[in-house]
N, C-alpha and C. Protein backbone atom coordinates (compact mmCIF):
# COMPACT_ATOMS: atom_id res chain seq x y z
N MET A 1 23.77 -33.92 5.70
CA MET A 1 23.66 -32.97 4.58
C MET A 1 22.53 -31.98 4.87
N PRO A 2 22.81 -30.68 4.85
CA PRO A 2 21.77 -29.69 5.17
C PRO A 2 20.70 -29.64 4.09
N TYR A 3 19.48 -29.28 4.54
CA TYR A 3 18.39 -29.13 3.59
C TYR A 3 18.60 -27.87 2.74
N PRO A 4 18.11 -27.86 1.51
CA PRO A 4 18.27 -26.67 0.67
C PRO A 4 17.46 -25.50 1.20
N ALA A 5 17.82 -24.30 0.80
CA ALA A 5 17.09 -23.11 1.21
C ALA A 5 15.63 -23.22 0.80
N GLY A 6 14.75 -22.84 1.70
CA GLY A 6 13.32 -22.88 1.40
C GLY A 6 12.65 -24.18 1.76
N HIS A 7 13.45 -25.19 2.20
CA HIS A 7 12.88 -26.49 2.50
C HIS A 7 11.83 -26.40 3.61
N SER A 8 12.14 -25.68 4.67
CA SER A 8 11.22 -25.58 5.80
C SER A 8 9.90 -24.95 5.40
N SER A 9 9.97 -23.89 4.60
CA SER A 9 8.76 -23.22 4.14
C SER A 9 7.92 -24.14 3.25
N GLU A 10 8.61 -24.89 2.40
CA GLU A 10 7.91 -25.82 1.50
C GLU A 10 7.19 -26.91 2.28
N VAL A 11 7.87 -27.46 3.29
CA VAL A 11 7.26 -28.51 4.10
C VAL A 11 6.06 -27.97 4.86
N ARG A 12 6.21 -26.77 5.41
CA ARG A 12 5.10 -26.15 6.15
C ARG A 12 3.88 -25.99 5.25
N GLN A 13 4.09 -25.57 4.00
CA GLN A 13 2.99 -25.41 3.07
C GLN A 13 2.34 -26.74 2.73
N ARG A 14 3.14 -27.78 2.62
CA ARG A 14 2.57 -29.11 2.36
C ARG A 14 1.66 -29.54 3.49
N ILE A 15 2.06 -29.25 4.72
CA ILE A 15 1.23 -29.60 5.88
C ILE A 15 -0.06 -28.80 5.86
N VAL A 16 0.03 -27.50 5.57
CA VAL A 16 -1.15 -26.64 5.51
C VAL A 16 -2.11 -27.11 4.42
N HIS A 17 -1.60 -27.43 3.25
CA HIS A 17 -2.45 -27.87 2.14
C HIS A 17 -3.13 -29.20 2.46
N SER A 18 -2.39 -30.12 3.09
CA SER A 18 -2.97 -31.40 3.48
C SER A 18 -4.08 -31.18 4.51
N ALA A 19 -3.81 -30.33 5.48
CA ALA A 19 -4.80 -30.06 6.54
C ALA A 19 -6.04 -29.40 5.97
N ARG A 20 -5.86 -28.46 5.04
CA ARG A 20 -7.02 -27.78 4.45
C ARG A 20 -7.93 -28.77 3.74
N ARG A 21 -7.35 -29.64 2.95
CA ARG A 21 -8.16 -30.63 2.23
C ARG A 21 -8.93 -31.51 3.22
N LEU A 22 -8.23 -31.99 4.24
CA LEU A 22 -8.86 -32.91 5.19
C LEU A 22 -9.86 -32.21 6.09
N PHE A 23 -9.53 -31.02 6.58
CA PHE A 23 -10.48 -30.28 7.42
C PHE A 23 -11.75 -29.95 6.63
N ASN A 24 -11.58 -29.53 5.38
CA ASN A 24 -12.73 -29.19 4.55
C ASN A 24 -13.63 -30.40 4.32
N ARG A 25 -13.02 -31.56 4.17
CA ARG A 25 -13.78 -32.77 3.88
C ARG A 25 -14.39 -33.40 5.13
N HIS A 26 -13.64 -33.41 6.25
CA HIS A 26 -14.05 -34.19 7.41
C HIS A 26 -14.29 -33.37 8.67
N GLY A 27 -13.90 -32.10 8.70
CA GLY A 27 -14.05 -31.31 9.91
C GLY A 27 -12.81 -31.41 10.79
N PHE A 28 -12.69 -30.47 11.70
CA PHE A 28 -11.50 -30.38 12.55
C PHE A 28 -11.36 -31.59 13.47
N ASP A 29 -12.43 -31.95 14.16
CA ASP A 29 -12.34 -32.99 15.19
C ASP A 29 -12.09 -34.38 14.61
N ASN A 30 -12.46 -34.61 13.37
CA ASN A 30 -12.39 -35.95 12.79
C ASN A 30 -11.09 -36.22 12.03
N VAL A 31 -10.15 -35.30 12.10
CA VAL A 31 -8.89 -35.47 11.38
C VAL A 31 -7.73 -35.51 12.38
N SER A 32 -6.96 -36.58 12.33
CA SER A 32 -5.83 -36.74 13.25
C SER A 32 -4.56 -36.13 12.67
N LEU A 33 -3.61 -35.86 13.55
CA LEU A 33 -2.30 -35.37 13.08
C LEU A 33 -1.62 -36.40 12.20
N ASP A 34 -1.77 -37.68 12.51
CA ASP A 34 -1.18 -38.73 11.68
C ASP A 34 -1.70 -38.64 10.25
N ARG A 35 -3.00 -38.40 10.13
CA ARG A 35 -3.62 -38.34 8.80
C ARG A 35 -3.15 -37.10 8.05
N ILE A 36 -3.04 -35.98 8.74
CA ILE A 36 -2.57 -34.75 8.11
C ILE A 36 -1.15 -34.91 7.60
N MET A 37 -0.28 -35.45 8.45
CA MET A 37 1.11 -35.59 8.06
C MET A 37 1.27 -36.63 6.96
N SER A 38 0.48 -37.68 7.01
CA SER A 38 0.53 -38.68 5.94
C SER A 38 0.12 -38.07 4.61
N GLY A 39 -0.90 -37.20 4.64
CA GLY A 39 -1.35 -36.53 3.43
C GLY A 39 -0.30 -35.60 2.85
N ALA A 40 0.61 -35.15 3.72
CA ALA A 40 1.70 -34.28 3.27
C ALA A 40 2.94 -35.08 2.91
N GLY A 41 2.86 -36.42 3.01
CA GLY A 41 4.01 -37.26 2.71
C GLY A 41 5.06 -37.23 3.80
N LEU A 42 4.61 -37.00 5.07
CA LEU A 42 5.53 -36.86 6.19
C LEU A 42 5.08 -37.75 7.33
N THR A 43 5.92 -37.86 8.36
CA THR A 43 5.57 -38.62 9.54
C THR A 43 5.16 -37.69 10.67
N ARG A 44 4.37 -38.20 11.60
CA ARG A 44 3.85 -37.38 12.69
C ARG A 44 4.97 -36.72 13.49
N GLY A 45 6.10 -37.39 13.60
CA GLY A 45 7.18 -36.88 14.44
C GLY A 45 7.66 -35.50 14.06
N GLY A 46 7.50 -35.11 12.80
CA GLY A 46 7.99 -33.81 12.36
C GLY A 46 7.00 -32.68 12.56
N PHE A 47 5.79 -32.99 13.00
CA PHE A 47 4.74 -31.97 13.06
C PHE A 47 5.14 -30.80 13.96
N TYR A 48 5.67 -31.11 15.15
CA TYR A 48 5.91 -30.06 16.14
C TYR A 48 7.16 -29.22 15.83
N SER A 49 7.82 -29.56 14.75
CA SER A 49 8.89 -28.68 14.28
C SER A 49 8.32 -27.48 13.54
N TYR A 50 7.03 -27.57 13.17
CA TYR A 50 6.40 -26.52 12.37
C TYR A 50 5.23 -25.85 13.07
N PHE A 51 4.52 -26.58 13.91
CA PHE A 51 3.35 -26.04 14.60
C PHE A 51 3.35 -26.52 16.05
N ASP A 52 2.87 -25.65 16.94
CA ASP A 52 2.80 -26.00 18.36
C ASP A 52 1.63 -26.91 18.67
N SER A 53 0.57 -26.82 17.85
CA SER A 53 -0.63 -27.59 18.12
C SER A 53 -1.48 -27.71 16.86
N LYS A 54 -2.44 -28.60 16.93
CA LYS A 54 -3.39 -28.75 15.84
C LYS A 54 -4.23 -27.47 15.68
N SER A 55 -4.53 -26.80 16.79
CA SER A 55 -5.29 -25.55 16.72
C SER A 55 -4.51 -24.46 16.01
N GLU A 56 -3.20 -24.41 16.22
CA GLU A 56 -2.39 -23.41 15.52
C GLU A 56 -2.40 -23.69 14.02
N LEU A 57 -2.31 -24.96 13.64
CA LEU A 57 -2.39 -25.33 12.23
C LEU A 57 -3.75 -24.93 11.66
N TYR A 58 -4.79 -25.18 12.42
CA TYR A 58 -6.16 -24.83 12.02
C TYR A 58 -6.27 -23.35 11.71
N ALA A 59 -5.69 -22.52 12.58
CA ALA A 59 -5.73 -21.07 12.38
C ALA A 59 -5.01 -20.69 11.09
N GLU A 60 -3.90 -21.36 10.79
CA GLU A 60 -3.16 -21.03 9.56
C GLU A 60 -3.92 -21.49 8.32
N VAL A 61 -4.61 -22.63 8.42
CA VAL A 61 -5.44 -23.10 7.31
C VAL A 61 -6.50 -22.06 6.97
N LEU A 62 -7.14 -21.51 8.00
CA LEU A 62 -8.17 -20.50 7.79
C LEU A 62 -7.59 -19.24 7.15
N SER A 63 -6.33 -18.97 7.44
CA SER A 63 -5.72 -17.72 6.98
C SER A 63 -5.12 -17.79 5.59
N CYS A 64 -5.27 -18.91 4.90
CA CYS A 64 -4.48 -19.09 3.68
C CYS A 64 -5.14 -18.60 2.40
N PHE A 65 -6.32 -17.98 2.49
CA PHE A 65 -6.97 -17.54 1.26
C PHE A 65 -6.78 -16.05 1.02
N PHE A 66 -7.67 -15.23 1.49
CA PHE A 66 -7.62 -13.81 1.15
C PHE A 66 -6.49 -13.06 1.85
N THR A 67 -5.85 -13.69 2.82
CA THR A 67 -4.74 -13.02 3.50
C THR A 67 -3.39 -13.45 2.93
N ASP A 68 -3.38 -14.35 1.98
CA ASP A 68 -2.13 -14.88 1.41
C ASP A 68 -1.79 -14.08 0.15
N PRO A 69 -0.68 -13.34 0.16
CA PRO A 69 -0.33 -12.53 -1.03
C PRO A 69 -0.07 -13.38 -2.26
N GLU A 70 0.21 -14.66 -2.09
CA GLU A 70 0.46 -15.54 -3.23
C GLU A 70 -0.81 -16.22 -3.73
N TRP A 71 -1.95 -15.92 -3.07
CA TRP A 71 -3.18 -16.60 -3.44
C TRP A 71 -3.63 -16.17 -4.83
N LYS A 72 -3.82 -17.16 -5.68
CA LYS A 72 -4.32 -16.90 -7.03
C LYS A 72 -5.30 -18.02 -7.35
N ASN A 73 -6.34 -17.68 -8.07
CA ASN A 73 -7.27 -18.73 -8.45
C ASN A 73 -8.01 -18.35 -9.71
N CYS A 74 -8.50 -19.36 -10.39
CA CYS A 74 -9.30 -19.16 -11.58
C CYS A 74 -10.35 -20.25 -11.60
N TRP A 75 -11.58 -19.89 -11.33
CA TRP A 75 -12.67 -20.85 -11.28
C TRP A 75 -13.59 -20.66 -12.46
N GLU A 76 -13.68 -21.67 -13.30
CA GLU A 76 -14.60 -21.69 -14.44
C GLU A 76 -14.52 -20.42 -15.27
N GLY A 77 -13.29 -20.01 -15.59
CA GLY A 77 -13.11 -18.86 -16.46
C GLY A 77 -13.13 -17.52 -15.76
N VAL A 78 -13.38 -17.50 -14.45
CA VAL A 78 -13.37 -16.24 -13.70
C VAL A 78 -12.05 -16.13 -12.97
N GLU A 79 -11.16 -15.33 -13.48
CA GLU A 79 -9.87 -15.13 -12.83
C GLU A 79 -10.01 -14.06 -11.76
N VAL A 80 -9.61 -14.39 -10.55
CA VAL A 80 -9.69 -13.43 -9.45
C VAL A 80 -8.35 -12.71 -9.35
N ASP A 81 -8.37 -11.45 -9.71
CA ASP A 81 -7.18 -10.61 -9.66
C ASP A 81 -7.38 -9.59 -8.54
N LEU A 82 -6.67 -9.80 -7.42
CA LEU A 82 -6.89 -8.95 -6.25
C LEU A 82 -6.51 -7.50 -6.50
N ALA A 83 -5.76 -7.21 -7.56
CA ALA A 83 -5.38 -5.83 -7.87
C ALA A 83 -6.31 -5.18 -8.90
N SER A 84 -7.28 -5.93 -9.41
CA SER A 84 -8.14 -5.44 -10.47
C SER A 84 -9.27 -4.57 -9.93
N SER A 85 -9.71 -3.61 -10.72
CA SER A 85 -10.86 -2.79 -10.34
C SER A 85 -12.15 -3.61 -10.41
N GLU A 86 -12.09 -4.77 -11.07
CA GLU A 86 -13.24 -5.66 -11.19
C GLU A 86 -13.22 -6.78 -10.15
N VAL A 87 -12.40 -6.64 -9.12
CA VAL A 87 -12.22 -7.74 -8.18
C VAL A 87 -13.51 -8.09 -7.44
N GLY A 88 -14.37 -7.11 -7.17
CA GLY A 88 -15.61 -7.39 -6.45
C GLY A 88 -16.47 -8.44 -7.14
N PRO A 89 -16.91 -8.17 -8.39
CA PRO A 89 -17.72 -9.18 -9.08
C PRO A 89 -16.95 -10.46 -9.38
N GLN A 90 -15.63 -10.36 -9.56
CA GLN A 90 -14.83 -11.57 -9.77
C GLN A 90 -14.94 -12.50 -8.56
N VAL A 91 -14.80 -11.93 -7.37
CA VAL A 91 -14.87 -12.74 -6.15
C VAL A 91 -16.26 -13.35 -5.99
N VAL A 92 -17.30 -12.56 -6.20
CA VAL A 92 -18.67 -13.06 -6.04
C VAL A 92 -18.94 -14.21 -7.01
N ARG A 93 -18.59 -14.01 -8.28
CA ARG A 93 -18.87 -15.04 -9.28
C ARG A 93 -18.04 -16.31 -9.05
N ALA A 94 -16.80 -16.14 -8.67
CA ALA A 94 -15.96 -17.31 -8.41
C ALA A 94 -16.39 -18.03 -7.14
N TYR A 95 -16.67 -17.27 -6.10
CA TYR A 95 -17.02 -17.88 -4.82
C TYR A 95 -18.30 -18.70 -4.92
N LEU A 96 -19.28 -18.20 -5.67
CA LEU A 96 -20.56 -18.88 -5.80
C LEU A 96 -20.65 -19.72 -7.07
N SER A 97 -19.50 -20.03 -7.64
CA SER A 97 -19.46 -20.82 -8.88
C SER A 97 -19.76 -22.30 -8.61
N ARG A 98 -20.11 -23.01 -9.67
CA ARG A 98 -20.36 -24.44 -9.57
C ARG A 98 -19.09 -25.18 -9.14
N GLN A 99 -17.96 -24.75 -9.66
CA GLN A 99 -16.71 -25.44 -9.32
C GLN A 99 -16.40 -25.32 -7.83
N HIS A 100 -16.58 -24.12 -7.27
CA HIS A 100 -16.33 -23.96 -5.84
C HIS A 100 -17.30 -24.80 -5.02
N PHE A 101 -18.54 -24.90 -5.49
CA PHE A 101 -19.56 -25.73 -4.84
C PHE A 101 -19.13 -27.20 -4.81
N GLU A 102 -18.58 -27.68 -5.91
CA GLU A 102 -18.27 -29.10 -6.04
C GLU A 102 -16.91 -29.47 -5.47
N ASP A 103 -15.95 -28.57 -5.52
CA ASP A 103 -14.57 -28.89 -5.11
C ASP A 103 -14.39 -28.62 -3.61
N ILE A 104 -14.93 -29.51 -2.80
CA ILE A 104 -14.96 -29.29 -1.35
C ILE A 104 -13.56 -29.24 -0.75
N GLU A 105 -12.70 -30.15 -1.16
CA GLU A 105 -11.39 -30.25 -0.53
C GLU A 105 -10.54 -28.99 -0.75
N ASN A 106 -10.70 -28.34 -1.89
CA ASN A 106 -9.88 -27.18 -2.20
C ASN A 106 -10.64 -25.87 -2.08
N SER A 107 -11.77 -25.90 -1.40
CA SER A 107 -12.57 -24.69 -1.29
C SER A 107 -12.10 -23.81 -0.16
N CYS A 108 -12.71 -22.63 -0.08
CA CYS A 108 -12.37 -21.69 1.00
C CYS A 108 -12.77 -22.30 2.34
N PRO A 109 -11.87 -22.33 3.32
CA PRO A 109 -12.19 -22.94 4.61
C PRO A 109 -13.33 -22.24 5.34
N MET A 110 -13.62 -20.99 5.00
CA MET A 110 -14.72 -20.31 5.68
C MET A 110 -16.07 -20.95 5.36
N VAL A 111 -16.16 -21.67 4.24
CA VAL A 111 -17.40 -22.35 3.90
C VAL A 111 -17.55 -23.65 4.69
N ALA A 112 -16.49 -24.41 4.78
CA ALA A 112 -16.55 -25.74 5.38
C ALA A 112 -16.45 -25.73 6.90
N LEU A 113 -15.84 -24.70 7.48
CA LEU A 113 -15.44 -24.79 8.88
C LEU A 113 -16.11 -23.84 9.87
N PRO A 114 -17.14 -23.07 9.51
CA PRO A 114 -17.66 -22.11 10.49
C PRO A 114 -18.20 -22.73 11.76
N THR A 115 -18.85 -23.90 11.66
CA THR A 115 -19.36 -24.52 12.89
C THR A 115 -18.22 -25.02 13.76
N ASP A 116 -17.13 -25.48 13.14
CA ASP A 116 -15.96 -25.88 13.91
C ASP A 116 -15.34 -24.68 14.62
N VAL A 117 -15.33 -23.54 13.95
CA VAL A 117 -14.72 -22.35 14.53
C VAL A 117 -15.44 -21.94 15.81
N THR A 118 -16.76 -22.04 15.83
CA THR A 118 -17.52 -21.63 17.01
C THR A 118 -17.16 -22.46 18.23
N ARG A 119 -16.67 -23.68 18.00
CA ARG A 119 -16.31 -24.56 19.12
C ARG A 119 -14.81 -24.57 19.38
N SER A 120 -14.07 -23.85 18.59
CA SER A 120 -12.62 -23.93 18.67
C SER A 120 -12.03 -22.83 19.54
N SER A 121 -10.72 -22.69 19.46
CA SER A 121 -9.98 -21.76 20.31
C SER A 121 -10.18 -20.31 19.88
N GLU A 122 -9.78 -19.39 20.75
CA GLU A 122 -9.83 -17.98 20.41
C GLU A 122 -8.94 -17.68 19.21
N GLY A 123 -7.82 -18.40 19.09
CA GLY A 123 -6.91 -18.21 17.96
C GLY A 123 -7.59 -18.52 16.64
N ALA A 124 -8.37 -19.62 16.62
CA ALA A 124 -9.09 -19.98 15.39
C ALA A 124 -10.17 -18.96 15.07
N LYS A 125 -10.85 -18.46 16.10
CA LYS A 125 -11.87 -17.45 15.87
C LYS A 125 -11.26 -16.16 15.32
N ARG A 126 -10.12 -15.79 15.88
CA ARG A 126 -9.44 -14.59 15.37
C ARG A 126 -9.01 -14.79 13.92
N ALA A 127 -8.55 -16.01 13.60
CA ALA A 127 -8.14 -16.29 12.22
C ALA A 127 -9.33 -16.19 11.28
N PHE A 128 -10.48 -16.71 11.71
CA PHE A 128 -11.69 -16.62 10.88
C PHE A 128 -12.06 -15.16 10.65
N GLU A 129 -12.02 -14.36 11.71
CA GLU A 129 -12.35 -12.93 11.60
C GLU A 129 -11.37 -12.22 10.66
N THR A 130 -10.10 -12.60 10.75
CA THR A 130 -9.09 -11.97 9.90
C THR A 130 -9.35 -12.26 8.43
N VAL A 131 -9.67 -13.52 8.11
CA VAL A 131 -9.92 -13.89 6.72
C VAL A 131 -11.22 -13.25 6.22
N PHE A 132 -12.25 -13.24 7.07
CA PHE A 132 -13.51 -12.61 6.68
C PHE A 132 -13.29 -11.12 6.41
N SER A 133 -12.54 -10.46 7.30
CA SER A 133 -12.27 -9.04 7.12
C SER A 133 -11.47 -8.78 5.85
N ALA A 134 -10.54 -9.68 5.53
CA ALA A 134 -9.76 -9.54 4.30
C ALA A 134 -10.66 -9.66 3.08
N MET A 135 -11.61 -10.58 3.13
CA MET A 135 -12.56 -10.73 2.03
C MET A 135 -13.42 -9.47 1.90
N VAL A 136 -13.87 -8.93 3.03
CA VAL A 136 -14.67 -7.71 3.03
C VAL A 136 -13.87 -6.55 2.43
N ASN A 137 -12.59 -6.45 2.81
CA ASN A 137 -11.74 -5.38 2.28
C ASN A 137 -11.63 -5.45 0.76
N VAL A 138 -11.47 -6.67 0.24
CA VAL A 138 -11.37 -6.86 -1.21
C VAL A 138 -12.67 -6.43 -1.89
N LEU A 139 -13.79 -6.86 -1.32
CA LEU A 139 -15.09 -6.51 -1.92
C LEU A 139 -15.35 -5.01 -1.83
N GLU A 140 -14.99 -4.40 -0.69
CA GLU A 140 -15.24 -2.98 -0.51
C GLU A 140 -14.48 -2.14 -1.55
N ARG A 141 -13.25 -2.58 -1.88
CA ARG A 141 -12.48 -1.84 -2.88
C ARG A 141 -13.17 -1.85 -4.23
N GLY A 142 -13.95 -2.89 -4.49
CA GLY A 142 -14.59 -3.01 -5.79
C GLY A 142 -15.93 -2.33 -5.90
N ILE A 143 -16.49 -1.86 -4.77
CA ILE A 143 -17.79 -1.19 -4.81
C ILE A 143 -17.59 0.24 -5.30
N LEU A 144 -18.32 0.61 -6.32
CA LEU A 144 -18.17 1.93 -6.92
C LEU A 144 -18.57 3.02 -5.93
N GLU A 145 -17.74 4.04 -5.85
CA GLU A 145 -18.02 5.13 -4.93
C GLU A 145 -19.17 5.99 -5.45
N SER A 146 -19.95 6.50 -4.52
CA SER A 146 -21.05 7.38 -4.84
C SER A 146 -20.92 8.65 -4.02
N GLU A 147 -21.30 9.76 -4.61
CA GLU A 147 -21.20 11.04 -3.89
C GLU A 147 -22.09 11.06 -2.66
N THR A 148 -23.17 10.30 -2.70
CA THR A 148 -24.13 10.32 -1.59
C THR A 148 -23.93 9.17 -0.61
N GLU A 149 -23.00 8.28 -0.91
CA GLU A 149 -22.81 7.10 -0.07
C GLU A 149 -21.58 7.25 0.81
N LEU A 150 -21.75 7.03 2.10
CA LEU A 150 -20.66 7.13 3.04
C LEU A 150 -19.80 5.87 2.99
N GLN A 151 -18.56 6.00 3.46
CA GLN A 151 -17.67 4.84 3.49
C GLN A 151 -18.25 3.73 4.34
N ALA A 152 -18.89 4.10 5.45
CA ALA A 152 -19.49 3.09 6.33
C ALA A 152 -20.57 2.30 5.60
N GLU A 153 -21.30 2.95 4.71
CA GLU A 153 -22.33 2.25 3.95
C GLU A 153 -21.72 1.25 2.97
N ARG A 154 -20.61 1.65 2.34
CA ARG A 154 -19.93 0.71 1.44
C ARG A 154 -19.39 -0.48 2.23
N ARG A 155 -18.88 -0.19 3.43
CA ARG A 155 -18.37 -1.28 4.28
C ARG A 155 -19.50 -2.24 4.64
N ASN A 156 -20.65 -1.70 4.99
CA ASN A 156 -21.78 -2.56 5.34
C ASN A 156 -22.21 -3.42 4.15
N LYS A 157 -22.20 -2.83 2.96
CA LYS A 157 -22.54 -3.60 1.76
C LYS A 157 -21.54 -4.74 1.55
N ALA A 158 -20.26 -4.43 1.70
CA ALA A 158 -19.23 -5.44 1.49
C ALA A 158 -19.37 -6.58 2.50
N GLU A 159 -19.68 -6.24 3.75
CA GLU A 159 -19.88 -7.27 4.78
C GLU A 159 -21.08 -8.16 4.44
N ALA A 160 -22.16 -7.53 3.97
CA ALA A 160 -23.34 -8.30 3.60
C ALA A 160 -23.07 -9.21 2.41
N ILE A 161 -22.32 -8.71 1.43
CA ILE A 161 -21.99 -9.52 0.25
C ILE A 161 -21.13 -10.71 0.65
N ALA A 162 -20.12 -10.47 1.50
CA ALA A 162 -19.25 -11.56 1.96
C ALA A 162 -20.06 -12.61 2.70
N ALA A 163 -20.95 -12.17 3.60
CA ALA A 163 -21.77 -13.12 4.36
C ALA A 163 -22.70 -13.90 3.44
N MET A 164 -23.22 -13.23 2.40
CA MET A 164 -24.10 -13.90 1.45
C MET A 164 -23.34 -14.95 0.64
N CYS A 165 -22.11 -14.64 0.25
CA CYS A 165 -21.30 -15.62 -0.49
C CYS A 165 -21.02 -16.85 0.37
N ILE A 166 -20.54 -16.62 1.59
CA ILE A 166 -20.18 -17.73 2.46
C ILE A 166 -21.42 -18.51 2.90
N GLY A 167 -22.41 -17.78 3.40
CA GLY A 167 -23.63 -18.44 3.88
C GLY A 167 -24.39 -19.13 2.77
N GLY A 168 -24.42 -18.52 1.59
CA GLY A 168 -25.11 -19.14 0.48
C GLY A 168 -24.48 -20.46 0.09
N MET A 169 -23.15 -20.52 0.12
CA MET A 169 -22.47 -21.76 -0.22
C MET A 169 -22.67 -22.81 0.87
N VAL A 170 -22.67 -22.38 2.13
CA VAL A 170 -22.90 -23.32 3.24
C VAL A 170 -24.27 -23.98 3.10
N VAL A 171 -25.32 -23.17 2.86
CA VAL A 171 -26.68 -23.71 2.74
C VAL A 171 -26.81 -24.56 1.48
N ALA A 172 -26.24 -24.12 0.38
CA ALA A 172 -26.33 -24.90 -0.87
C ALA A 172 -25.72 -26.28 -0.70
N ARG A 173 -24.59 -26.36 -0.02
CA ARG A 173 -23.94 -27.66 0.18
C ARG A 173 -24.72 -28.55 1.13
N ALA A 174 -25.59 -27.97 1.94
CA ALA A 174 -26.37 -28.77 2.89
C ALA A 174 -27.60 -29.40 2.25
N MET A 175 -27.88 -29.07 1.01
CA MET A 175 -29.10 -29.55 0.34
C MET A 175 -28.85 -30.83 -0.44
N ASN A 176 -29.85 -31.72 -0.44
CA ASN A 176 -29.79 -32.93 -1.25
C ASN A 176 -30.21 -32.66 -2.69
N ASP A 177 -31.14 -31.74 -2.85
CA ASP A 177 -31.68 -31.42 -4.18
C ASP A 177 -30.71 -30.51 -4.91
N ARG A 178 -30.00 -31.04 -5.90
CA ARG A 178 -28.98 -30.26 -6.60
C ARG A 178 -29.60 -29.08 -7.36
N THR A 179 -30.78 -29.27 -7.91
CA THR A 179 -31.43 -28.18 -8.62
C THR A 179 -31.71 -27.02 -7.68
N LEU A 180 -32.22 -27.33 -6.50
CA LEU A 180 -32.50 -26.30 -5.51
C LEU A 180 -31.21 -25.63 -5.04
N ALA A 181 -30.16 -26.42 -4.86
CA ALA A 181 -28.86 -25.87 -4.45
C ALA A 181 -28.32 -24.90 -5.49
N ASP A 182 -28.45 -25.28 -6.77
CA ASP A 182 -27.97 -24.39 -7.84
C ASP A 182 -28.80 -23.12 -7.92
N GLU A 183 -30.11 -23.25 -7.73
CA GLU A 183 -30.97 -22.06 -7.73
C GLU A 183 -30.59 -21.11 -6.60
N LEU A 184 -30.31 -21.65 -5.44
CA LEU A 184 -29.91 -20.83 -4.30
C LEU A 184 -28.59 -20.12 -4.58
N ARG A 185 -27.63 -20.88 -5.09
CA ARG A 185 -26.31 -20.33 -5.41
C ARG A 185 -26.43 -19.18 -6.40
N GLU A 186 -27.17 -19.41 -7.46
CA GLU A 186 -27.33 -18.40 -8.50
C GLU A 186 -28.13 -17.20 -8.00
N GLY A 187 -29.12 -17.46 -7.12
CA GLY A 187 -29.89 -16.36 -6.56
C GLY A 187 -29.03 -15.47 -5.66
N CYS A 188 -28.19 -16.10 -4.83
CA CYS A 188 -27.27 -15.34 -3.98
C CYS A 188 -26.30 -14.52 -4.83
N MET A 189 -25.83 -15.12 -5.92
CA MET A 189 -24.91 -14.42 -6.81
C MET A 189 -25.57 -13.18 -7.41
N ALA A 190 -26.80 -13.34 -7.88
CA ALA A 190 -27.50 -12.22 -8.51
C ALA A 190 -27.73 -11.08 -7.52
N VAL A 191 -28.17 -11.41 -6.30
CA VAL A 191 -28.44 -10.39 -5.29
C VAL A 191 -27.15 -9.71 -4.85
N ALA A 192 -26.08 -10.50 -4.67
CA ALA A 192 -24.79 -9.95 -4.25
C ALA A 192 -24.24 -9.00 -5.31
N LEU A 193 -24.36 -9.38 -6.59
CA LEU A 193 -23.88 -8.51 -7.67
C LEU A 193 -24.69 -7.22 -7.74
N GLU A 194 -26.00 -7.34 -7.52
CA GLU A 194 -26.85 -6.14 -7.53
C GLU A 194 -26.51 -5.23 -6.35
N LEU A 195 -26.29 -5.81 -5.18
CA LEU A 195 -25.96 -5.02 -4.00
C LEU A 195 -24.66 -4.25 -4.19
N GLY A 196 -23.70 -4.88 -4.88
CA GLY A 196 -22.42 -4.22 -5.12
C GLY A 196 -22.44 -3.27 -6.30
N GLY A 197 -23.55 -3.23 -7.03
CA GLY A 197 -23.63 -2.38 -8.21
C GLY A 197 -22.94 -2.98 -9.41
N TRP A 198 -22.81 -4.30 -9.43
CA TRP A 198 -22.04 -4.98 -10.48
C TRP A 198 -22.90 -5.79 -11.43
N GLN A 199 -24.22 -5.60 -11.40
CA GLN A 199 -25.08 -6.46 -12.20
C GLN A 199 -24.84 -6.31 -13.70
N THR A 200 -24.23 -5.20 -14.12
CA THR A 200 -23.93 -5.02 -15.54
C THR A 200 -22.47 -5.30 -15.87
N SER A 201 -21.75 -5.87 -14.87
CA SER A 201 -20.32 -6.16 -15.08
C SER A 201 -20.14 -7.13 -16.23
N GLN A 202 -19.03 -6.98 -16.94
CA GLN A 202 -18.73 -7.85 -18.08
C GLN A 202 -17.97 -9.10 -17.67
N VAL A 203 -17.77 -9.30 -16.35
CA VAL A 203 -17.09 -10.51 -15.89
C VAL A 203 -17.91 -11.72 -16.29
N PRO A 204 -17.29 -12.79 -16.88
CA PRO A 204 -18.07 -13.94 -17.32
C PRO A 204 -18.80 -14.61 -16.17
N VAL A 205 -19.94 -15.16 -16.44
CA VAL A 205 -20.71 -15.88 -15.43
C VAL A 205 -20.08 -17.24 -15.18
N ALA A 206 -19.88 -17.58 -13.90
CA ALA A 206 -19.39 -18.91 -13.53
C ALA A 206 -20.56 -19.74 -13.11
N GLY A 207 -20.87 -20.79 -13.87
CA GLY A 207 -22.09 -21.53 -13.73
C GLY A 207 -22.39 -22.12 -12.40
């Protein structure tokens, strides 16, 4: 009996979602294909029908956030609408939110996996660059234009804000002192919002 239409795409997404959770929690090297497929409710034998290698899967996991047209999220009351004129502060507040800090398995892979990327294949590095660039593009669209500011300057601001969001979350998660981690997270959020010109935005604060 043939599988219904869309079955292959659905199974592929299950594998990607399982891998993202496990990679975020344990890192690339510490997660086996057996574990990934088991997390997707599948057997290892079917893996190579969807991906050529674990590295190829890794690259797709990295690509599933800002490059995915179906990506939608709402963290602690901050809805990220990629088509909104308020998308810049939405991304900053959601990315540096308490929920994103705590929900490691479902967080952005750029937070959990940068050290793995430096040791991984060129494909994984390109995937990381693609997702980072997509995040920068989203932030750049939200930076208010100024008559005296060049496009290159807005791009530089967006790159700095993206790096502050990702790096701030990486450092916060590395701390044992939760109070210090929250102070760092909130400090990065405040500086990123100020850099983007969004400090007076009406977007709700994500704790």
